[in-house]
Structure formats: structure tokens, C-alpha cells
Amino acid sequence: MQAVLSEKGQITIPKSIRDELGLRPGEALDFIVDKWEIRVRKVAPVNPMQDVYGILKSKKSSDQILNDLRGSAED
């Protein structure tokens, strides 16, 4: 399957390939260059919780923090 490089250096991934790989607009792709060959692979999704894990520097449990912010569920 072929694609043509645009003047801006862009290509369109054929729909059959996008469908087969489950590619959606905005998804990240990784390009691997090996001499005259370019391989493209879908970047594994990142767990959004990894970005915030460990930012709270507290000895309180998450339940205690939520109770402090929202008030006790028993109130």
C-alpha cells in the first residue's frame, strides 16, 4: 500500500490500516527509522493516574483528605 508525501511532509495513513490498528485522531504514533525503512507503531496509552501518583505529600489517607475537603459522609 502506498501513500504520497505532501508538500508539508505529511502522509495520510490509509483508512484500512487506521481501522485495523484502531487509530483515532489525536493518538500518538512512534516512528522508528532503520536505514531506508520507517516503521510506525501506536504508542501504548498512558494511565492518567501515573501523572499524578505521589504528588500528595501527606501522612493522611486519601479518605481522610477527602473528608477534610468535603466533610464527613456522616454529617
C-alpha atoms as a PDB file:
ATOM      1  CA  MET A   1       0.000   0.000   0.000  1.00  0.00           C
ATOM      2  CA  GLN A   2       1.381   3.413  -0.913  1.00  0.00           C
ATOM      3  CA  ALA A   3       0.853   6.977   0.247  1.00  0.00           C
ATOM      4  CA  VAL A   4       2.138  10.228  -1.249  1.00  0.00           C
ATOM      5  CA  LEU A   5       4.136  12.727   0.791  1.00  0.00           C
ATOM      6  CA  SER A   6       2.533  16.205   0.726  1.00  0.00           C
ATOM      7  CA  GLU A   7       4.420  19.480   0.320  1.00  0.00           C
ATOM      8  CA  LYS A   8       4.211  19.888   4.115  1.00  0.00           C
ATOM      9  CA  GLY A   9       5.850  16.488   4.651  1.00  0.00           C
ATOM     10  CA  GLN A  10       2.601  14.806   5.688  1.00  0.00           C
ATOM     11  CA  ILE A  11       1.097  11.492   4.668  1.00  0.00           C
ATOM     12  CA  THR A  12      -2.354  10.054   5.124  1.00  0.00           C
ATOM     13  CA  ILE A  13      -2.488   6.624   6.702  1.00  0.00           C
ATOM     14  CA  PRO A  14      -4.901   4.570   4.611  1.00  0.00           C
ATOM     15  CA  LYS A  15      -8.284   4.014   6.265  1.00  0.00           C
ATOM     16  CA  SER A  16      -7.949   0.234   6.165  1.00  0.00           C
ATOM     17  CA  ILE A  17      -4.745   0.473   8.237  1.00  0.00           C
ATOM     18  CA  ARG A  18      -6.256   3.019  10.662  1.00  0.00           C
ATOM     19  CA  ASP A  19      -9.237   0.726  11.152  1.00  0.00           C
ATOM     20  CA  GLU A  20      -7.079  -2.386  11.605  1.00  0.00           C
ATOM     21  CA  LEU A  21      -4.927  -0.687  14.254  1.00  0.00           C
ATOM     22  CA  GLY A  22      -7.810   1.174  15.879  1.00  0.00           C
ATOM     23  CA  LEU A  23      -6.147   4.545  15.293  1.00  0.00           C
ATOM     24  CA  ARG A  24      -8.196   7.599  16.229  1.00  0.00           C
ATOM     25  CA  PRO A  25      -7.491  11.317  15.680  1.00  0.00           C
ATOM     26  CA  GLY A  26      -5.089  12.674  18.283  1.00  0.00           C
ATOM     27  CA  GLU A  27      -3.450   9.339  19.123  1.00  0.00           C
ATOM     28  CA  ALA A  28       0.339   9.289  19.407  1.00  0.00           C
ATOM     29  CA  LEU A  29       2.469   7.318  16.977  1.00  0.00           C
ATOM     30  CA  ASP A  30       6.100   6.316  17.338  1.00  0.00           C
ATOM     31  CA  PHE A  31       8.428   6.411  14.304  1.00  0.00           C
ATOM     32  CA  ILE A  32      11.408   4.070  14.119  1.00  0.00           C
ATOM     33  CA  VAL A  33      13.988   4.738  11.382  1.00  0.00           C
ATOM     34  CA  ASP A  34      16.268   1.905  10.260  1.00  0.00           C
ATOM     35  CA  LYS A  35      18.382   2.863   7.224  1.00  0.00           C
ATOM     36  CA  TRP A  36      15.834   3.142   4.375  1.00  0.00           C
ATOM     37  CA  GLU A  37      12.908   1.804   6.347  1.00  0.00           C
ATOM     38  CA  ILE A  38      10.453   3.675   8.577  1.00  0.00           C
ATOM     39  CA  ARG A  39       8.272   1.711  10.975  1.00  0.00           C
ATOM     40  CA  VAL A  40       5.335   3.324  12.720  1.00  0.00           C
ATOM     41  CA  ARG A  41       3.674   1.950  15.801  1.00  0.00           C
ATOM     42  CA  LYS A  42       0.858   3.049  18.021  1.00  0.00           C
ATOM     43  CA  VAL A  43       2.099   4.392  21.359  1.00  0.00           C
ATOM     44  CA  ALA A  44       0.670   2.463  24.286  1.00  0.00           C
ATOM     45  CA  PRO A  45      -1.878   4.507  26.190  1.00  0.00           C
ATOM     46  CA  VAL A  46      -0.585   6.096  29.372  1.00  0.00           C
ATOM     47  CA  ASN A  47      -2.501   5.620  32.571  1.00  0.00           C
ATOM     48  CA  PRO A  48      -3.527   9.180  33.546  1.00  0.00           C
ATOM     49  CA  MET A  49      -3.116   8.260  37.214  1.00  0.00           C
ATOM     50  CA  GLN A  50       0.638   7.812  36.652  1.00  0.00           C
ATOM     51  CA  ASP A  51       0.948  11.553  36.059  1.00  0.00           C
ATOM     52  CA  VAL A  52      -0.461  12.434  39.489  1.00  0.00           C
ATOM     53  CA  TYR A  53       0.688   9.461  41.556  1.00  0.00           C
ATOM     54  CA  GLY A  54       2.705  10.587  44.548  1.00  0.00           C
ATOM     55  CA  ILE A  55       2.098  14.346  44.282  1.00  0.00           C
ATOM     56  CA  LEU A  56       0.310  14.455  47.629  1.00  0.00           C
ATOM     57  CA  LYS A  57       2.900  14.664  50.375  1.00  0.00           C
ATOM     58  CA  SER A  58       0.702  13.831  53.339  1.00  0.00           C
ATOM     59  CA  LYS A  59       0.617  11.233  56.049  1.00  0.00           C
ATOM     60  CA  LYS A  60      -3.183  11.239  55.865  1.00  0.00           C
ATOM     61  CA  SER A  61      -5.022   8.585  53.907  1.00  0.00           C
ATOM     62  CA  SER A  62      -6.926   9.607  50.792  1.00  0.00           C
ATOM     63  CA  ASP A  63     -10.183   9.035  52.722  1.00  0.00           C
ATOM     64  CA  GLN A  64      -9.042  11.439  55.449  1.00  0.00           C
ATOM     65  CA  ILE A  65      -8.091  14.077  52.868  1.00  0.00           C
ATOM     66  CA  LEU A  66     -11.461  13.753  51.121  1.00  0.00           C
ATOM     67  CA  ASN A  67     -13.279  14.015  54.462  1.00  0.00           C
ATOM     68  CA  ASP A  68     -11.321  17.193  55.217  1.00  0.00           C
ATOM     69  CA  LEU A  69     -12.233  18.664  51.820  1.00  0.00           C
ATOM     70  CA  ARG A  70     -15.849  17.539  51.565  1.00  0.00           C
ATOM     71  CA  GLY A  71     -16.808  16.939  55.162  1.00  0.00           C
ATOM     72  CA  SER A  72     -17.641  13.619  56.686  1.00  0.00           C
ATOM     73  CA  ALA A  73     -20.244  11.470  54.908  1.00  0.00           C
ATOM     74  CA  GLU A  74     -21.981  11.061  58.251  1.00  0.00           C
ATOM     75  CA  ASP A  75     -22.734  14.810  58.576  1.00  0.00           C
END
